């Protein structure tokens, strides 16, 4: 049985990222989150969320010059930590 997970990101503000890089950032973000689910399974608390729950992630500080893939990986890490309940 396949499990379908829909994650909707309401707003992703990427200051300093070129508009031409936004699709690559999004693709890397999706890919990295999928890899994390395959590696670790779903975060324990995720099952308690309903389809209407809102989880807010904290802002991330990124190093400049990493490219869109690095930005996507960093954002995916921040989203993953937030889904695990690590909101420090």
Protein backbone atom coordinates (compact mmCIF):
# COMPACT_ATOMS: atom_id res chain seq x y z
CA UNK A 1 0.00 0.00 0.00
CA UNK A 2 1.34 3.40 -0.95
CA UNK A 3 0.89 6.30 1.40
CA UNK A 4 0.32 9.71 -0.12
CA UNK A 5 1.52 12.74 1.76
CA UNK A 6 0.63 16.25 0.64
CA UNK A 7 2.72 19.01 2.12
CA UNK A 8 1.60 22.52 1.21
CA UNK A 9 4.02 25.35 1.83
CA UNK A 10 1.93 28.50 2.03
CA UNK A 11 4.80 30.92 1.73
CA UNK A 12 8.51 30.52 1.11
CA UNK A 13 10.45 33.78 1.15
CA UNK A 14 13.89 33.48 -0.43
CA UNK A 15 15.66 36.78 -0.11
CA UNK A 16 18.74 37.00 -2.31
CA UNK A 17 17.75 34.05 -4.53
CA UNK A 18 17.48 34.90 -8.23
CA UNK A 19 13.99 34.45 -9.67
CA UNK A 20 15.45 32.14 -12.34
CA UNK A 21 16.56 29.75 -9.56
CA UNK A 22 13.19 29.35 -7.84
CA UNK A 23 12.14 26.23 -9.75
CA UNK A 24 15.44 24.49 -8.95
CA UNK A 25 15.11 25.42 -5.28
CA UNK A 26 11.58 23.96 -5.24
CA UNK A 27 12.65 20.76 -7.05
CA UNK A 28 15.55 20.22 -4.64
CA UNK A 29 13.30 20.92 -1.65
CA UNK A 30 10.79 18.28 -2.84
CA UNK A 31 13.51 15.76 -3.58
CA UNK A 32 15.29 16.22 -0.25
CA UNK A 33 12.08 15.89 1.76
CA UNK A 34 11.20 12.69 -0.10
CA UNK A 35 14.68 11.28 0.58
CA UNK A 36 14.34 12.11 4.27
CA UNK A 37 10.99 10.30 4.51
CA UNK A 38 12.52 7.25 2.82
CA UNK A 39 15.53 7.31 5.18
CA UNK A 40 13.76 8.03 8.45
CA UNK A 41 10.05 7.41 7.96
CA UNK A 42 7.47 9.97 8.94
CA UNK A 43 8.05 12.11 12.02
CA UNK A 44 6.11 10.63 14.96
CA UNK A 45 3.93 13.68 15.58
CA UNK A 46 2.95 14.08 11.95
CA UNK A 47 0.13 11.56 12.22
CA UNK A 48 -1.62 13.74 14.79
CA UNK A 49 -1.90 16.63 12.35
CA UNK A 50 -5.11 17.05 10.44
CA UNK A 51 -5.38 18.33 6.89
CA UNK A 52 -5.98 21.82 8.24
CA UNK A 53 -3.16 22.10 10.75
CA UNK A 54 -0.59 24.82 10.27
CA UNK A 55 3.03 24.31 11.22
CA UNK A 56 5.25 27.37 11.02
CA UNK A 57 8.97 26.96 10.44
CA UNK A 58 11.51 29.42 11.75
CA UNK A 59 13.59 31.54 9.39
CA UNK A 60 16.88 30.10 8.15
CA UNK A 61 20.15 31.93 7.61
CA UNK A 62 21.99 30.59 4.55
CA UNK A 63 25.49 31.17 3.28
CA UNK A 64 25.69 33.05 0.01
CA UNK A 65 27.02 31.40 -3.10
CA UNK A 66 25.74 27.89 -2.47
CA UNK A 67 23.48 27.82 -5.50
CA UNK A 68 19.83 26.80 -5.76
CA UNK A 69 20.48 23.16 -4.83
CA UNK A 70 22.16 24.18 -1.58
CA UNK A 71 19.26 26.50 -0.78
CA UNK A 72 16.75 23.72 -1.47
CA UNK A 73 18.66 21.29 0.77
CA UNK A 74 18.89 23.83 3.59
CA UNK A 75 15.19 24.69 3.38
CA UNK A 76 14.28 20.98 3.32
CA UNK A 77 16.37 20.47 6.46
CA UNK A 78 14.57 23.32 8.18
CA UNK A 79 11.16 22.00 7.18
CA UNK A 80 12.10 18.49 8.32
CA UNK A 81 13.32 19.71 11.71
CA UNK A 82 10.09 21.66 12.13
CA UNK A 83 7.98 18.60 11.27
CA UNK A 84 9.91 16.67 13.91
CA UNK A 85 9.00 19.29 16.47
CA UNK A 86 12.45 20.91 16.67
CA UNK A 87 11.46 24.57 16.56
CA UNK A 88 14.48 26.02 18.37
